[in-house]
N, C-alpha and C. Protein backbone atom coordinates (compact mmCIF):
# COMPACT_ATOMS: atom_id res chain seq x y z
N MET A 1 14.68 -0.26 -2.24
CA MET A 1 14.19 0.67 -1.26
C MET A 1 14.60 -0.05 0.09
N GLN A 2 15.21 0.71 0.90
CA GLN A 2 15.96 0.08 2.29
C GLN A 2 14.73 -0.43 3.04
N ASN A 3 14.81 -1.40 3.94
CA ASN A 3 13.72 -1.97 4.85
C ASN A 3 12.54 -2.35 4.06
N ASN A 4 12.67 -2.84 2.94
CA ASN A 4 11.47 -3.41 2.20
C ASN A 4 10.34 -2.45 1.82
N TRP A 5 10.66 -1.04 2.09
CA TRP A 5 9.43 0.09 1.87
C TRP A 5 9.62 0.01 0.09
N GLU A 6 8.26 -0.15 -0.35
CA GLU A 6 8.27 -0.19 -1.66
C GLU A 6 7.99 1.46 -2.15
N GLN A 7 8.51 1.86 -3.14
CA GLN A 7 8.42 3.24 -3.69
C GLN A 7 7.51 3.08 -4.80
N ILE A 8 6.28 3.61 -4.79
CA ILE A 8 5.34 3.62 -5.88
C ILE A 8 5.16 5.21 -6.15
N PRO A 9 4.65 5.55 -7.32
CA PRO A 9 4.70 6.89 -7.56
C PRO A 9 4.01 7.80 -6.41
N GLY A 10 4.83 8.79 -5.82
CA GLY A 10 4.52 9.67 -4.84
C GLY A 10 4.30 9.12 -3.57
N LYS A 11 4.64 7.77 -3.26
CA LYS A 11 4.35 7.20 -1.92
C LYS A 11 5.42 6.18 -1.54
N LEU A 12 5.69 6.11 -0.33
CA LEU A 12 6.34 4.84 0.15
C LEU A 12 5.30 3.98 0.91
N VAL A 13 5.30 2.61 0.67
CA VAL A 13 4.36 1.62 1.16
C VAL A 13 5.09 0.45 1.82
N LYS A 14 4.57 -0.06 2.75
CA LYS A 14 5.00 -1.33 3.52
C LYS A 14 3.88 -1.99 4.21
N THR A 15 3.89 -3.32 4.07
CA THR A 15 2.85 -4.07 4.78
C THR A 15 3.41 -4.93 5.70
N PHE A 16 2.84 -4.90 7.12
CA PHE A 16 3.51 -5.45 8.22
C PHE A 16 2.42 -6.58 8.46
N GLN A 17 2.88 -7.78 8.99
CA GLN A 17 2.16 -8.91 9.36
C GLN A 17 2.34 -9.35 10.91
N PHE A 18 1.37 -9.44 11.63
CA PHE A 18 1.47 -9.75 12.99
C PHE A 18 0.83 -11.24 13.26
N LYS A 19 0.93 -11.50 14.43
CA LYS A 19 0.29 -12.74 14.97
C LYS A 19 -1.09 -12.80 15.01
N ASP A 20 -1.69 -11.47 15.38
CA ASP A 20 -3.33 -11.52 15.40
C ASP A 20 -3.54 -10.05 15.58
N PHE A 21 -4.76 -9.69 15.57
CA PHE A 21 -5.32 -8.36 15.50
C PHE A 21 -4.74 -7.58 16.70
N GLU A 22 -4.79 -8.19 17.95
CA GLU A 22 -4.16 -7.39 19.03
C GLU A 22 -2.92 -6.79 18.90
N GLU A 23 -2.02 -7.60 18.29
CA GLU A 23 -0.50 -7.24 18.11
C GLU A 23 -0.56 -6.08 16.95
N ALA A 24 -1.40 -6.29 15.89
CA ALA A 24 -1.53 -5.24 14.87
C ALA A 24 -1.99 -4.01 15.53
N LEU A 25 -2.97 -4.02 16.33
CA LEU A 25 -3.36 -2.76 16.89
C LEU A 25 -2.47 -2.06 17.71
N LYS A 26 -1.54 -2.75 18.56
CA LYS A 26 -0.49 -2.31 19.33
C LYS A 26 0.43 -1.60 18.46
N PHE A 27 0.86 -2.19 17.26
CA PHE A 27 1.64 -1.45 16.30
C PHE A 27 1.06 -0.29 15.82
N ILE A 28 -0.08 -0.35 15.36
CA ILE A 28 -0.92 0.93 14.87
C ILE A 28 -0.76 1.96 15.91
N ASN A 29 -0.98 1.76 17.22
CA ASN A 29 -1.02 2.78 18.18
C ASN A 29 0.49 3.30 18.37
N SER A 30 1.44 2.46 18.34
CA SER A 30 2.83 2.91 18.44
C SER A 30 3.17 3.74 17.24
N VAL A 31 2.84 3.40 16.07
CA VAL A 31 2.96 4.18 14.81
C VAL A 31 2.38 5.60 15.10
N GLY A 32 1.03 5.59 15.62
CA GLY A 32 0.43 6.79 15.79
C GLY A 32 1.07 7.79 16.82
N GLN A 33 1.72 7.40 17.77
CA GLN A 33 2.54 8.07 18.62
C GLN A 33 3.72 8.62 18.04
N ILE A 34 4.39 7.91 17.27
CA ILE A 34 5.70 8.26 16.26
C ILE A 34 5.11 9.39 15.56
N ALA A 35 4.16 9.25 14.85
CA ALA A 35 3.77 10.12 13.76
C ALA A 35 3.13 11.52 14.35
N GLU A 36 2.62 11.44 15.55
CA GLU A 36 1.99 12.55 16.42
C GLU A 36 3.21 13.22 16.75
N SER A 37 4.38 12.69 17.46
CA SER A 37 5.61 13.43 17.97
C SER A 37 6.35 14.08 16.54
N MET A 38 6.19 13.57 15.52
CA MET A 38 6.66 14.18 14.25
C MET A 38 5.89 14.99 13.53
N ASN A 39 4.57 15.08 13.87
CA ASN A 39 3.69 15.84 13.13
C ASN A 39 3.57 15.62 11.88
N HIS A 40 3.68 14.19 11.51
CA HIS A 40 3.72 13.78 10.09
C HIS A 40 2.81 12.40 10.21
N HIS A 41 1.74 12.40 9.56
CA HIS A 41 0.57 11.41 9.74
C HIS A 41 0.54 10.50 8.59
N PRO A 42 0.78 9.38 8.71
CA PRO A 42 0.65 8.39 7.39
C PRO A 42 -0.77 7.85 7.31
N LYS A 43 -1.09 7.28 6.06
CA LYS A 43 -2.26 6.50 6.02
C LYS A 43 -1.99 5.07 6.46
N ILE A 44 -2.87 4.61 7.33
CA ILE A 44 -2.65 3.21 7.96
C ILE A 44 -3.91 2.44 7.39
N VAL A 45 -3.84 1.39 6.96
CA VAL A 45 -4.89 0.39 6.60
C VAL A 45 -4.75 -0.92 7.52
N ASN A 46 -5.78 -1.43 8.24
CA ASN A 46 -5.66 -2.64 9.00
C ASN A 46 -6.76 -3.58 8.57
N LEU A 47 -6.10 -4.73 8.20
CA LEU A 47 -7.18 -5.92 8.15
C LEU A 47 -6.62 -7.19 8.79
N TYR A 48 -7.48 -7.39 10.05
CA TYR A 48 -7.06 -8.32 10.81
C TYR A 48 -5.72 -8.19 11.35
N ASN A 49 -4.82 -9.06 10.90
CA ASN A 49 -3.51 -9.27 11.40
C ASN A 49 -2.48 -8.34 10.49
N THR A 50 -2.99 -7.71 9.39
CA THR A 50 -2.11 -7.10 8.50
C THR A 50 -2.36 -5.50 8.54
N VAL A 51 -1.09 -4.90 8.53
CA VAL A 51 -1.16 -3.37 8.49
C VAL A 51 -0.37 -2.81 7.59
N THR A 52 -1.00 -2.05 6.58
CA THR A 52 -0.36 -1.32 5.43
C THR A 52 -0.24 0.10 5.62
N ILE A 53 0.99 0.66 5.57
CA ILE A 53 1.29 2.10 5.78
C ILE A 53 1.78 2.58 4.65
N GLU A 54 1.11 3.84 4.01
CA GLU A 54 1.44 4.79 3.05
C GLU A 54 2.01 5.99 3.55
N LEU A 55 3.23 6.46 3.23
CA LEU A 55 3.88 7.52 3.50
C LEU A 55 3.97 8.45 2.33
N TRP A 56 3.52 9.90 2.46
CA TRP A 56 3.87 10.77 1.51
C TRP A 56 3.65 12.13 2.27
N THR A 57 4.06 13.38 1.86
CA THR A 57 4.00 14.66 2.44
C THR A 57 2.79 15.17 1.53
N HIS A 58 1.76 15.27 2.39
CA HIS A 58 0.44 15.68 1.79
C HIS A 58 0.56 17.03 0.96
N ASP A 59 1.01 18.15 1.77
CA ASP A 59 1.00 19.45 1.12
C ASP A 59 2.05 19.45 -0.14
N GLN A 60 2.89 18.42 -0.28
CA GLN A 60 3.68 18.38 -1.55
C GLN A 60 3.37 17.37 -2.61
N ASN A 61 2.35 16.45 -2.01
CA ASN A 61 2.01 15.38 -2.71
C ASN A 61 3.13 14.69 -3.38
N ALA A 62 4.06 14.39 -2.46
CA ALA A 62 5.34 13.87 -2.91
C ALA A 62 6.08 13.17 -1.57
N ILE A 63 7.11 12.33 -1.95
CA ILE A 63 7.89 11.75 -0.90
C ILE A 63 8.97 12.81 -0.52
N THR A 64 9.05 12.97 0.61
CA THR A 64 10.17 13.96 1.12
C THR A 64 11.01 13.19 2.08
N ASP A 65 11.84 14.09 2.52
CA ASP A 65 12.79 13.46 3.77
C ASP A 65 12.06 13.15 4.89
N MET A 66 10.90 13.84 5.26
CA MET A 66 10.11 13.46 6.37
C MET A 66 9.55 12.22 6.23
N ASP A 67 9.20 11.73 5.09
CA ASP A 67 8.72 10.52 4.86
C ASP A 67 9.66 9.38 5.17
N PHE A 68 10.89 9.57 4.65
CA PHE A 68 12.11 8.60 4.81
C PHE A 68 12.41 8.45 6.35
N LYS A 69 12.36 9.62 7.11
CA LYS A 69 12.49 9.73 8.41
C LYS A 69 11.50 8.82 9.32
N LEU A 70 10.29 9.06 8.93
CA LEU A 70 9.20 8.41 9.51
C LEU A 70 9.30 6.86 9.28
N ALA A 71 9.65 6.46 8.08
CA ALA A 71 9.77 5.21 7.62
C ALA A 71 10.84 4.48 8.57
N ASP A 72 11.95 5.17 8.80
CA ASP A 72 12.95 4.52 9.50
C ASP A 72 12.61 4.38 11.05
N GLU A 73 11.83 5.32 11.68
CA GLU A 73 11.29 5.37 13.10
C GLU A 73 10.24 4.19 13.09
N ILE A 74 9.56 4.10 12.21
CA ILE A 74 8.61 2.73 12.13
C ILE A 74 9.30 1.56 12.11
N ASP A 75 10.28 1.23 11.37
CA ASP A 75 11.12 0.35 11.34
C ASP A 75 11.88 -0.08 12.49
N ARG A 76 12.39 0.99 13.13
CA ARG A 76 13.13 0.88 14.53
C ARG A 76 12.00 0.46 15.60
N ARG A 77 10.89 0.79 15.50
CA ARG A 77 9.87 0.56 16.48
C ARG A 77 9.34 -0.99 16.23
N ILE A 78 9.26 -1.40 15.06
CA ILE A 78 8.92 -2.88 14.75
C ILE A 78 10.04 -3.84 15.26
N THR A 79 11.31 -3.34 15.18
CA THR A 79 12.40 -4.38 15.64
C THR A 79 12.60 -4.22 17.17
N ILE A 80 12.13 -3.45 17.78
CA ILE A 80 12.16 -3.51 19.30
C ILE A 80 10.92 -4.13 19.92
N SER A 81 9.96 -4.07 19.18
CA SER A 81 8.71 -4.65 19.67
C SER A 81 8.66 -6.00 20.04
């Protein structure tokens, strides 16, 4: 999987690690803005400085092109942060 996104049955998953909770929270908010603009909302789990994101298209219960596009946007955001 490109950019270290793991493809598990029906989902794309990636874990990001940050310096501290504040940096993780900034990332979460950034992902939220991207998701809202695309009207495609991921599952986001945060534990202190670690953020895990799961992507799948809920109404199809599968990975679609929209999930790959959102993954690419998230990866772009992390590289410019």
